[in-house]
Amino acid sequence: MNEVMWAFGRASGVISLLLFTATLLLGIVTRSGRPLPGMPRFSVSLVHRNVSLLAVVFLVLHVGTLMLDSYAKLGPIDVVVPFLGSFKPFWQGLGTVAFDLVLAIVLTGLLRRRIGQRAFRFVHWFTYAMWPIAVLHAIGNGTNGTSGWFLALAAGCAVLVAAAVVWRLSARFVEHSGTRRVADAYREGTR
């Protein structure tokens, strides 16, 4: 049973990383108001939200299975308080920091109407910190973190995210305010 938990914990972590990479990329595209091929502009934000939700589900599965794994020895305190773990405390602590940031982002997303758009956007910017912290956690703490296939996967994700962030920060990134209003109205109508 421990091997099953370990394998599932590892696989769900890798899937979570891939989904958070897609979420970050979709978030940048959503903010731009541009469409994805074969998809109307307003639906990009819906896809972003659904992929985000799926990423969080796999993150919870990752953490949950590692809490049940006797080798990982991950306790409830280790899940929310960084750098206290018994197994590679620094690298595990980075995972905890990333997890805490995800919790903050999810909570502000759920409370978006109550806290306002400005507070939501402020906390949402922490996604740009959460993602590299999670990648470092995966490399330093993951069983396959330094294996060739995982480093190639992480490098590919990093190239995509770096290109998207450079585009987001560039003068060529123009937000389509009319499209944003349509997407925001659609999101408000789906709640």
N, C-alpha and C. Protein backbone atom coordinates (compact mmCIF):
# COMPACT_ATOMS: atom_id res chain seq x y z
N MET A 1 0.81 -1.20 0.00
CA MET A 1 0.00 0.00 0.00
C MET A 1 0.86 1.26 0.00
N ASN A 2 1.99 1.25 0.72
CA ASN A 2 2.86 2.42 0.76
C ASN A 2 3.40 2.77 -0.61
N GLU A 3 3.74 1.74 -1.41
CA GLU A 3 4.23 2.01 -2.76
C GLU A 3 3.17 2.64 -3.63
N VAL A 4 1.92 2.22 -3.44
CA VAL A 4 0.82 2.80 -4.20
C VAL A 4 0.65 4.28 -3.82
N MET A 5 0.68 4.58 -2.52
CA MET A 5 0.56 5.96 -2.06
C MET A 5 1.71 6.81 -2.59
N TRP A 6 2.91 6.26 -2.53
CA TRP A 6 4.08 6.98 -3.01
C TRP A 6 3.95 7.26 -4.51
N ALA A 7 3.57 6.25 -5.29
CA ALA A 7 3.44 6.43 -6.74
C ALA A 7 2.33 7.41 -7.08
N PHE A 8 1.21 7.30 -6.38
CA PHE A 8 0.09 8.21 -6.65
C PHE A 8 0.45 9.63 -6.21
N GLY A 9 1.13 9.76 -5.09
CA GLY A 9 1.56 11.08 -4.63
C GLY A 9 2.50 11.74 -5.62
N ARG A 10 3.42 10.95 -6.15
CA ARG A 10 4.36 11.45 -7.14
C ARG A 10 3.65 11.83 -8.44
N ALA A 11 2.80 10.95 -8.93
CA ALA A 11 2.09 11.22 -10.19
C ALA A 11 1.16 12.42 -10.07
N SER A 12 0.44 12.51 -8.96
CA SER A 12 -0.48 13.64 -8.79
C SER A 12 0.28 14.95 -8.66
N GLY A 13 1.49 14.92 -8.12
CA GLY A 13 2.32 16.12 -8.06
C GLY A 13 2.75 16.58 -9.44
N VAL A 14 3.17 15.64 -10.28
CA VAL A 14 3.59 15.97 -11.65
C VAL A 14 2.39 16.51 -12.43
N ILE A 15 1.24 15.85 -12.32
CA ILE A 15 0.04 16.31 -13.03
C ILE A 15 -0.36 17.70 -12.53
N SER A 16 -0.27 17.90 -11.23
CA SER A 16 -0.60 19.20 -10.65
C SER A 16 0.31 20.29 -11.22
N LEU A 17 1.59 20.00 -11.33
CA LEU A 17 2.53 20.98 -11.89
C LEU A 17 2.17 21.32 -13.34
N LEU A 18 1.85 20.31 -14.12
CA LEU A 18 1.45 20.55 -15.51
C LEU A 18 0.17 21.38 -15.59
N LEU A 19 -0.79 21.05 -14.73
CA LEU A 19 -2.05 21.80 -14.74
C LEU A 19 -1.86 23.24 -14.25
N PHE A 20 -1.01 23.45 -13.25
CA PHE A 20 -0.75 24.82 -12.80
C PHE A 20 0.00 25.61 -13.87
N THR A 21 0.85 24.95 -14.64
CA THR A 21 1.50 25.61 -15.76
C THR A 21 0.45 26.05 -16.78
N ALA A 22 -0.46 25.16 -17.12
CA ALA A 22 -1.54 25.51 -18.06
C ALA A 22 -2.42 26.62 -17.50
N THR A 23 -2.68 26.57 -16.19
CA THR A 23 -3.49 27.60 -15.55
C THR A 23 -2.83 28.96 -15.65
N LEU A 24 -1.54 29.01 -15.40
CA LEU A 24 -0.82 30.27 -15.49
C LEU A 24 -0.86 30.82 -16.91
N LEU A 25 -0.63 29.95 -17.87
CA LEU A 25 -0.67 30.38 -19.28
C LEU A 25 -2.07 30.85 -19.66
N LEU A 26 -3.09 30.11 -19.26
CA LEU A 26 -4.47 30.51 -19.56
C LEU A 26 -4.84 31.80 -18.85
N GLY A 27 -4.33 32.01 -17.65
CA GLY A 27 -4.60 33.25 -16.94
C GLY A 27 -4.06 34.46 -17.68
N ILE A 28 -2.87 34.30 -18.24
CA ILE A 28 -2.28 35.40 -19.01
C ILE A 28 -3.09 35.66 -20.27
N VAL A 29 -3.49 34.60 -20.95
CA VAL A 29 -4.32 34.76 -22.16
C VAL A 29 -5.67 35.36 -21.79
N THR A 30 -6.25 34.93 -20.67
CA THR A 30 -7.54 35.48 -20.23
C THR A 30 -7.41 36.97 -19.99
N ARG A 31 -6.35 37.37 -19.35
CA ARG A 31 -6.16 38.78 -19.03
C ARG A 31 -6.02 39.61 -20.30
N SER A 32 -5.46 39.01 -21.34
CA SER A 32 -5.28 39.74 -22.60
C SER A 32 -6.60 39.88 -23.36
N GLY A 33 -7.55 39.01 -23.07
CA GLY A 33 -8.82 39.06 -23.79
C GLY A 33 -8.76 38.43 -25.17
N ARG A 34 -7.67 37.77 -25.47
CA ARG A 34 -7.53 37.13 -26.78
C ARG A 34 -8.16 35.74 -26.77
N PRO A 35 -8.60 35.29 -27.93
CA PRO A 35 -9.19 33.94 -27.99
C PRO A 35 -8.09 32.88 -28.13
N LEU A 36 -8.45 31.66 -27.86
CA LEU A 36 -7.61 30.52 -28.19
C LEU A 36 -8.16 29.92 -29.47
N PRO A 37 -7.36 29.22 -30.25
CA PRO A 37 -7.86 28.65 -31.50
C PRO A 37 -9.11 27.78 -31.28
N GLY A 38 -10.15 28.07 -32.06
CA GLY A 38 -11.38 27.29 -31.99
C GLY A 38 -12.25 27.59 -30.78
N MET A 39 -11.99 28.69 -30.12
CA MET A 39 -12.71 28.99 -28.88
C MET A 39 -13.02 30.49 -28.83
N PRO A 40 -14.26 30.86 -28.52
CA PRO A 40 -14.56 32.29 -28.40
C PRO A 40 -13.82 32.91 -27.21
N ARG A 41 -13.58 34.21 -27.28
CA ARG A 41 -12.81 34.90 -26.25
C ARG A 41 -13.36 34.70 -24.85
N PHE A 42 -14.69 34.81 -24.70
CA PHE A 42 -15.26 34.75 -23.35
C PHE A 42 -15.07 33.38 -22.69
N SER A 43 -14.89 32.34 -23.49
CA SER A 43 -14.77 31.00 -22.91
C SER A 43 -13.36 30.71 -22.39
N VAL A 44 -12.38 31.53 -22.74
CA VAL A 44 -11.02 31.31 -22.25
C VAL A 44 -11.00 31.40 -20.73
N SER A 45 -11.72 32.37 -20.17
CA SER A 45 -11.74 32.50 -18.70
C SER A 45 -12.42 31.30 -18.05
N LEU A 46 -13.42 30.74 -18.70
CA LEU A 46 -14.08 29.55 -18.17
C LEU A 46 -13.14 28.35 -18.19
N VAL A 47 -12.39 28.19 -19.27
CA VAL A 47 -11.40 27.11 -19.35
C VAL A 47 -10.32 27.33 -18.29
N HIS A 48 -9.89 28.57 -18.12
CA HIS A 48 -8.90 28.91 -17.08
C HIS A 48 -9.40 28.48 -15.71
N ARG A 49 -10.63 28.82 -15.40
CA ARG A 49 -11.19 28.47 -14.09
C ARG A 49 -11.28 26.96 -13.91
N ASN A 50 -11.72 26.24 -14.94
CA ASN A 50 -11.87 24.78 -14.83
C ASN A 50 -10.52 24.07 -14.71
N VAL A 51 -9.53 24.52 -15.46
CA VAL A 51 -8.20 23.93 -15.36
C VAL A 51 -7.61 24.24 -13.98
N SER A 52 -7.87 25.45 -13.48
CA SER A 52 -7.41 25.81 -12.13
C SER A 52 -8.01 24.88 -11.09
N LEU A 53 -9.30 24.65 -11.21
CA LEU A 53 -9.98 23.76 -10.27
C LEU A 53 -9.39 22.35 -10.34
N LEU A 54 -9.14 21.86 -11.53
CA LEU A 54 -8.55 20.54 -11.69
C LEU A 54 -7.13 20.49 -11.10
N ALA A 55 -6.37 21.57 -11.28
CA ALA A 55 -5.03 21.64 -10.69
C ALA A 55 -5.10 21.56 -9.17
N VAL A 56 -6.05 22.26 -8.58
CA VAL A 56 -6.21 22.24 -7.12
C VAL A 56 -6.62 20.85 -6.66
N VAL A 57 -7.48 20.18 -7.41
CA VAL A 57 -7.89 18.82 -7.04
C VAL A 57 -6.66 17.90 -7.03
N PHE A 58 -5.83 17.98 -8.05
CA PHE A 58 -4.64 17.13 -8.07
C PHE A 58 -3.63 17.53 -7.00
N LEU A 59 -3.59 18.81 -6.65
CA LEU A 59 -2.72 19.23 -5.55
C LEU A 59 -3.20 18.65 -4.22
N VAL A 60 -4.50 18.68 -3.99
CA VAL A 60 -5.05 18.09 -2.77
C VAL A 60 -4.80 16.58 -2.75
N LEU A 61 -4.94 15.92 -3.89
CA LEU A 61 -4.64 14.49 -3.96
C LEU A 61 -3.16 14.24 -3.68
N HIS A 62 -2.30 15.10 -4.19
CA HIS A 62 -0.86 14.98 -3.96
C HIS A 62 -0.54 15.09 -2.47
N VAL A 63 -1.05 16.12 -1.84
CA VAL A 63 -0.79 16.33 -0.41
C VAL A 63 -1.45 15.23 0.43
N GLY A 64 -2.69 14.91 0.10
CA GLY A 64 -3.43 13.89 0.86
C GLY A 64 -2.78 12.53 0.83
N THR A 65 -2.33 12.10 -0.34
CA THR A 65 -1.70 10.78 -0.41
C THR A 65 -0.36 10.78 0.31
N LEU A 66 0.35 11.89 0.27
CA LEU A 66 1.63 11.95 0.99
C LEU A 66 1.42 11.99 2.49
N MET A 67 0.28 12.47 2.94
CA MET A 67 -0.03 12.42 4.37
C MET A 67 -0.28 10.98 4.81
N LEU A 68 -0.77 10.15 3.90
CA LEU A 68 -1.03 8.75 4.20
C LEU A 68 0.18 7.84 3.97
N ASP A 69 1.22 8.38 3.34
CA ASP A 69 2.41 7.61 3.03
C ASP A 69 3.36 7.63 4.23
N SER A 70 3.74 6.45 4.71
CA SER A 70 4.60 6.37 5.90
C SER A 70 6.02 6.85 5.62
N TYR A 71 6.46 6.83 4.38
CA TYR A 71 7.80 7.28 4.06
C TYR A 71 7.90 8.80 4.05
N ALA A 72 6.90 9.46 3.49
CA ALA A 72 6.91 10.93 3.41
C ALA A 72 6.76 11.58 4.78
N LYS A 73 6.02 10.94 5.66
CA LYS A 73 5.82 11.44 7.03
C LYS A 73 5.35 12.89 7.05
N LEU A 74 4.38 13.17 6.23
CA LEU A 74 3.83 14.51 6.13
C LEU A 74 2.66 14.63 7.11
N GLY A 75 2.77 15.53 8.07
CA GLY A 75 1.72 15.71 9.06
C GLY A 75 0.87 16.93 8.75
N PRO A 76 -0.26 17.08 9.44
CA PRO A 76 -1.15 18.23 9.19
C PRO A 76 -0.46 19.58 9.36
N ILE A 77 0.42 19.69 10.32
CA ILE A 77 1.14 20.96 10.53
C ILE A 77 2.07 21.25 9.36
N ASP A 78 2.70 20.18 8.83
CA ASP A 78 3.62 20.34 7.70
C ASP A 78 2.92 20.87 6.46
N VAL A 79 1.62 20.64 6.36
CA VAL A 79 0.87 21.06 5.19
C VAL A 79 0.69 22.57 5.15
N VAL A 80 0.61 23.22 6.31
CA VAL A 80 0.33 24.66 6.34
C VAL A 80 1.46 25.51 6.92
N VAL A 81 2.35 24.91 7.70
CA VAL A 81 3.47 25.67 8.28
C VAL A 81 4.76 25.22 7.60
N PRO A 82 5.40 26.13 6.87
CA PRO A 82 6.58 25.73 6.10
C PRO A 82 7.81 25.42 6.95
N PHE A 83 8.65 24.55 6.39
CA PHE A 83 10.00 24.25 6.87
C PHE A 83 10.05 23.50 8.21
N LEU A 84 8.98 22.81 8.58
CA LEU A 84 8.97 22.02 9.80
C LEU A 84 9.04 20.52 9.55
N GLY A 85 8.93 20.12 8.31
CA GLY A 85 8.88 18.70 7.97
C GLY A 85 10.14 17.94 8.33
N SER A 86 10.00 16.64 8.46
CA SER A 86 11.15 15.81 8.83
C SER A 86 11.94 15.34 7.60
N PHE A 87 11.31 15.31 6.43
CA PHE A 87 11.97 14.83 5.22
C PHE A 87 12.30 16.04 4.34
N LYS A 88 13.58 16.33 4.15
CA LYS A 88 14.05 17.47 3.36
C LYS A 88 13.25 18.74 3.71
N PRO A 89 13.40 19.24 4.91
CA PRO A 89 12.55 20.33 5.40
C PRO A 89 12.54 21.58 4.51
N PHE A 90 13.68 21.94 3.92
CA PHE A 90 13.69 23.13 3.08
C PHE A 90 12.82 22.93 1.84
N TRP A 91 13.05 21.82 1.14
CA TRP A 91 12.33 21.56 -0.11
C TRP A 91 10.85 21.29 0.15
N GLN A 92 10.59 20.59 1.22
CA GLN A 92 9.18 20.36 1.61
C GLN A 92 8.53 21.68 2.00
N GLY A 93 9.29 22.54 2.67
CA GLY A 93 8.79 23.85 3.07
C GLY A 93 8.41 24.71 1.87
N LEU A 94 9.19 24.59 0.79
CA LEU A 94 8.83 25.33 -0.42
C LEU A 94 7.48 24.85 -0.95
N GLY A 95 7.24 23.55 -0.88
CA GLY A 95 5.94 23.01 -1.28
C GLY A 95 4.83 23.55 -0.40
N THR A 96 5.11 23.68 0.88
CA THR A 96 4.11 24.22 1.81
C THR A 96 3.82 25.68 1.49
N VAL A 97 4.87 26.46 1.19
CA VAL A 97 4.67 27.86 0.82
C VAL A 97 3.80 27.95 -0.44
N ALA A 98 4.12 27.12 -1.44
CA ALA A 98 3.32 27.11 -2.67
C ALA A 98 1.88 26.72 -2.38
N PHE A 99 1.69 25.72 -1.52
CA PHE A 99 0.34 25.28 -1.15
C PHE A 99 -0.42 26.40 -0.44
N ASP A 100 0.25 27.10 0.48
CA ASP A 100 -0.38 28.21 1.18
C ASP A 100 -0.78 29.33 0.21
N LEU A 101 0.08 29.60 -0.77
CA LEU A 101 -0.26 30.61 -1.77
C LEU A 101 -1.47 30.17 -2.61
N VAL A 102 -1.51 28.90 -2.96
CA VAL A 102 -2.68 28.39 -3.70
C VAL A 102 -3.94 28.56 -2.86
N LEU A 103 -3.86 28.25 -1.57
CA LEU A 103 -5.02 28.43 -0.68
C LEU A 103 -5.48 29.88 -0.68
N ALA A 104 -4.54 30.82 -0.58
CA ALA A 104 -4.89 32.24 -0.59
C ALA A 104 -5.54 32.64 -1.91
N ILE A 105 -5.01 32.14 -3.01
CA ILE A 105 -5.56 32.48 -4.32
C ILE A 105 -6.96 31.90 -4.48
N VAL A 106 -7.15 30.66 -4.05
CA VAL A 106 -8.47 30.03 -4.14
C VAL A 106 -9.48 30.75 -3.25
N LEU A 107 -9.09 31.05 -2.02
CA LEU A 107 -10.00 31.73 -1.09
C LEU A 107 -10.41 33.10 -1.60
N THR A 108 -9.46 33.86 -2.13
CA THR A 108 -9.82 35.18 -2.66
C THR A 108 -10.68 35.04 -3.91
N GLY A 109 -10.46 33.97 -4.67
CA GLY A 109 -11.33 33.72 -5.83
C GLY A 109 -12.76 33.44 -5.40
N LEU A 110 -12.91 32.67 -4.33
CA LEU A 110 -14.25 32.36 -3.82
C LEU A 110 -14.91 33.57 -3.17
N LEU A 111 -14.10 34.45 -2.59
CA LEU A 111 -14.62 35.63 -1.90
C LEU A 111 -14.53 36.90 -2.76
N ARG A 112 -14.33 36.71 -4.03
CA ARG A 112 -14.09 37.83 -4.95
C ARG A 112 -15.14 38.94 -4.85
N ARG A 113 -16.39 38.59 -4.76
CA ARG A 113 -17.45 39.60 -4.68
C ARG A 113 -17.39 40.37 -3.36
N ARG A 114 -17.01 39.70 -2.29
CA ARG A 114 -16.97 40.36 -0.98
C ARG A 114 -15.74 41.22 -0.77
N ILE A 115 -14.61 40.76 -1.29
CA ILE A 115 -13.37 41.51 -1.05
C ILE A 115 -13.07 42.53 -2.14
N GLY A 116 -13.74 42.43 -3.26
CA GLY A 116 -13.53 43.38 -4.35
C GLY A 116 -12.48 42.93 -5.35
N GLN A 117 -12.57 43.53 -6.51
CA GLN A 117 -11.69 43.18 -7.63
C GLN A 117 -10.23 43.53 -7.34
N ARG A 118 -10.01 44.66 -6.69
CA ARG A 118 -8.63 45.11 -6.42
C ARG A 118 -7.90 44.11 -5.52
N ALA A 119 -8.53 43.69 -4.43
CA ALA A 119 -7.91 42.73 -3.51
C ALA A 119 -7.72 41.38 -4.21
N PHE A 120 -8.71 40.98 -4.98
CA PHE A 120 -8.60 39.71 -5.72
C PHE A 120 -7.39 39.74 -6.65
N ARG A 121 -7.25 40.81 -7.42
CA ARG A 121 -6.13 40.91 -8.36
C ARG A 121 -4.79 40.96 -7.63
N PHE A 122 -4.74 41.68 -6.50
CA PHE A 122 -3.50 41.75 -5.73
C PHE A 122 -3.04 40.36 -5.31
N VAL A 123 -3.93 39.59 -4.74
CA VAL A 123 -3.57 38.24 -4.29
C VAL A 123 -3.30 37.33 -5.49
N HIS A 124 -4.03 37.53 -6.57
CA HIS A 124 -3.84 36.70 -7.76
C HIS A 124 -2.44 36.87 -8.35
N TRP A 125 -1.81 38.00 -8.15
CA TRP A 125 -0.44 38.21 -8.62
C TRP A 125 0.53 37.25 -7.95
N PHE A 126 0.17 36.70 -6.80
CA PHE A 126 1.04 35.75 -6.11
C PHE A 126 1.18 34.44 -6.89
N THR A 127 0.36 34.25 -7.91
CA THR A 127 0.50 33.09 -8.78
C THR A 127 1.89 33.08 -9.41
N TYR A 128 2.39 34.28 -9.72
CA TYR A 128 3.71 34.38 -10.34
C TYR A 128 4.82 33.99 -9.37
N ALA A 129 4.56 34.01 -8.09
CA ALA A 129 5.53 33.52 -7.10
C ALA A 129 5.30 32.04 -6.80
N MET A 130 4.03 31.64 -6.74
CA MET A 130 3.69 30.26 -6.40
C MET A 130 4.28 29.27 -7.39
N TRP A 131 4.18 29.57 -8.67
CA TRP A 131 4.58 28.61 -9.69
C TRP A 131 6.07 28.25 -9.60
N PRO A 132 7.00 29.22 -9.59
CA PRO A 132 8.41 28.81 -9.51
C PRO A 132 8.76 28.16 -8.17
N ILE A 133 8.10 28.56 -7.10
CA ILE A 133 8.33 27.92 -5.81
C ILE A 133 7.92 26.45 -5.88
N ALA A 134 6.79 26.18 -6.53
CA ALA A 134 6.33 24.80 -6.69
C ALA A 134 7.30 23.99 -7.55
N VAL A 135 7.84 24.60 -8.59
CA VAL A 135 8.80 23.90 -9.44
C VAL A 135 10.07 23.57 -8.65
N LEU A 136 10.56 24.52 -7.87
CA LEU A 136 11.74 24.26 -7.05
C LEU A 136 11.46 23.15 -6.04
N HIS A 137 10.26 23.16 -5.45
CA HIS A 137 9.87 22.09 -4.53
C HIS A 137 9.92 20.73 -5.23
N ALA A 138 9.38 20.68 -6.44
CA ALA A 138 9.34 19.42 -7.18
C ALA A 138 10.75 18.92 -7.51
N ILE A 139 11.64 19.83 -7.88
CA ILE A 139 13.00 19.43 -8.21
C ILE A 139 13.76 18.98 -6.96
N GLY A 140 13.62 19.73 -5.87
CA GLY A 140 14.38 19.43 -4.67
C GLY A 140 13.82 18.32 -3.81
N ASN A 141 12.51 18.14 -3.82
CA ASN A 141 11.87 17.18 -2.93
C ASN A 141 11.33 15.95 -3.65
N GLY A 142 11.10 16.08 -4.93
CA GLY A 142 10.50 14.98 -5.68
C GLY A 142 11.45 13.81 -5.88
N THR A 143 10.88 12.63 -5.89
CA THR A 143 11.67 11.43 -6.08
C THR A 143 12.39 11.45 -7.42
N ASN A 144 11.73 11.96 -8.44
CA ASN A 144 12.33 12.05 -9.77
C ASN A 144 12.74 13.48 -10.11
N GLY A 145 12.86 14.33 -9.11
CA GLY A 145 13.13 15.75 -9.33
C GLY A 145 14.38 16.05 -10.12
N THR A 146 15.39 15.21 -10.01
CA THR A 146 16.63 15.45 -10.74
C THR A 146 16.83 14.48 -11.90
N SER A 147 15.82 13.68 -12.20
CA SER A 147 15.94 12.77 -13.34
C SER A 147 15.78 13.55 -14.64
N GLY A 148 16.37 13.02 -15.68
CA GLY A 148 16.38 13.70 -16.98
C GLY A 148 15.00 14.04 -17.50
N TRP A 149 14.09 13.08 -17.45
CA TRP A 149 12.76 13.33 -18.01
C TRP A 149 12.03 14.43 -17.25
N PHE A 150 12.19 14.47 -15.92
CA PHE A 150 11.49 15.49 -15.15
C PHE A 150 12.13 16.86 -15.36
N LEU A 151 13.46 16.91 -15.40
CA LEU A 151 14.12 18.19 -15.64
C LEU A 151 13.76 18.74 -17.02
N ALA A 152 13.63 17.86 -18.01
CA ALA A 152 13.21 18.30 -19.35
C ALA A 152 11.77 18.82 -19.31
N LEU A 153 10.91 18.12 -18.58
CA LEU A 153 9.52 18.56 -18.43
C LEU A 153 9.46 19.92 -17.73
N ALA A 154 10.19 20.07 -16.64
CA ALA A 154 10.22 21.33 -15.89
C ALA A 154 10.80 22.45 -16.75
N ALA A 155 11.83 22.15 -17.51
CA ALA A 155 12.43 23.16 -18.39
C ALA A 155 11.45 23.60 -19.47
N GLY A 156 10.73 22.63 -20.04
CA GLY A 156 9.72 22.97 -21.05
C GLY A 156 8.63 23.87 -20.48
N CYS A 157 8.16 23.53 -19.29
CA CYS A 157 7.16 24.36 -18.62
C CYS A 157 7.72 25.75 -18.34
N ALA A 158 8.98 25.80 -17.89
CA ALA A 158 9.60 27.08 -17.56
C ALA A 158 9.75 27.97 -18.79
N VAL A 159 10.09 27.37 -19.92
CA VAL A 159 10.22 28.15 -21.15
C VAL A 159 8.87 28.73 -21.55
N LEU A 160 7.82 27.92 -21.46
CA LEU A 160 6.48 28.42 -21.81
C LEU A 160 6.04 29.54 -20.87
N VAL A 161 6.25 29.34 -19.58
CA VAL A 161 5.84 30.36 -18.60
C VAL A 161 6.68 31.62 -18.78
N ALA A 162 7.99 31.48 -18.96
CA ALA A 162 8.85 32.65 -19.15
C ALA A 162 8.43 33.44 -20.38
N ALA A 163 8.15 32.74 -21.48
CA ALA A 163 7.70 33.43 -22.70
C ALA A 163 6.38 34.16 -22.46
N ALA A 164 5.46 33.52 -21.75
CA ALA A 164 4.17 34.15 -21.47
C ALA A 164 4.33 35.37 -20.56
N VAL A 165 5.20 35.26 -19.56
CA VAL A 165 5.42 36.39 -18.64
C VAL A 165 6.09 37.55 -19.37
N VAL A 166 7.08 37.25 -20.22
CA VAL A 166 7.73 38.31 -21.01
C VAL A 166 6.69 38.99 -21.89
N TRP A 167 5.83 38.21 -22.53
CA TRP A 167 4.77 38.79 -23.35
C TRP A 167 3.83 39.64 -22.50
N ARG A 168 3.49 39.14 -21.31
CA ARG A 168 2.58 39.87 -20.40
C ARG A 168 3.17 41.20 -19.98
N LEU A 169 4.48 41.25 -19.78
CA LEU A 169 5.14 42.48 -19.33
C LEU A 169 5.56 43.39 -20.48
N SER A 170 5.42 42.91 -21.71
CA SER A 170 5.87 43.69 -22.86
C SER A 170 4.84 44.74 -23.28
N ALA A 171 5.31 45.65 -24.09
CA ALA A 171 4.42 46.68 -24.63
C ALA A 171 3.42 46.08 -25.63
N ARG A 172 3.74 44.89 -26.17
CA ARG A 172 2.84 44.24 -27.14
C ARG A 172 1.61 43.63 -26.47
N PHE A 173 1.65 43.50 -25.14
CA PHE A 173 0.52 42.94 -24.40
C PHE A 173 -0.50 44.05 -24.23
N VAL A 174 -1.57 43.97 -24.98
CA VAL A 174 -2.62 44.97 -24.90
C VAL A 174 -3.88 44.28 -24.42
N GLU A 175 -4.40 44.76 -23.31
CA GLU A 175 -5.64 44.18 -22.81
C GLU A 175 -6.80 44.73 -23.62
N HIS A 176 -7.70 43.87 -23.97
CA HIS A 176 -8.89 44.27 -24.72
C HIS A 176 -9.99 44.55 -23.71
N SER A 177 -10.14 45.82 -23.36
CA SER A 177 -11.08 46.17 -22.29
C SER A 177 -12.51 45.80 -22.63
N GLY A 178 -12.91 45.93 -23.87
CA GLY A 178 -14.28 45.54 -24.25
C GLY A 178 -14.49 44.05 -24.07
N THR A 179 -13.51 43.29 -24.47
CA THR A 179 -13.57 41.84 -24.30
C THR A 179 -13.57 41.49 -22.81
N ARG A 180 -12.78 42.22 -22.04
CA ARG A 180 -12.73 41.97 -20.60
C ARG A 180 -14.10 42.19 -19.97
N ARG A 181 -14.80 43.24 -20.39
CA ARG A 181 -16.12 43.50 -19.83
C ARG A 181 -17.09 42.38 -20.18
N VAL A 182 -17.01 41.87 -21.42
CA VAL A 182 -17.88 40.77 -21.82
C VAL A 182 -17.56 39.52 -21.00
N ALA A 183 -16.25 39.22 -20.86
CA ALA A 183 -15.84 38.04 -20.08
C ALA A 183 -16.24 38.19 -18.62
N ASP A 184 -16.05 39.39 -18.05
CA ASP A 184 -16.44 39.61 -16.65
C ASP A 184 -17.94 39.47 -16.48
N ALA A 185 -18.71 40.00 -17.42
CA ALA A 185 -20.17 39.88 -17.33
C ALA A 185 -20.59 38.41 -17.43
N TYR A 186 -19.92 37.65 -18.30
CA TYR A 186 -20.24 36.23 -18.43
C TYR A 186 -19.92 35.50 -17.12
N ARG A 187 -18.74 35.79 -16.54
CA ARG A 187 -18.36 35.15 -15.28
C ARG A 187 -19.36 35.48 -14.18
N GLU A 188 -19.76 36.72 -14.11
CA GLU A 188 -20.72 37.11 -13.07
C GLU A 188 -22.06 36.40 -13.27
N GLY A 189 -22.42 36.18 -14.52
CA GLY A 189 -23.69 35.50 -14.80
C GLY A 189 -23.66 34.02 -14.52
N THR A 190 -22.47 33.41 -14.46
CA THR A 190 -22.37 31.96 -14.23
C THR A 190 -22.29 31.62 -12.75
N ARG A 191 -22.28 32.63 -11.91
CA ARG A 191 -22.17 32.35 -10.46
C ARG A 191 -23.51 32.24 -9.81
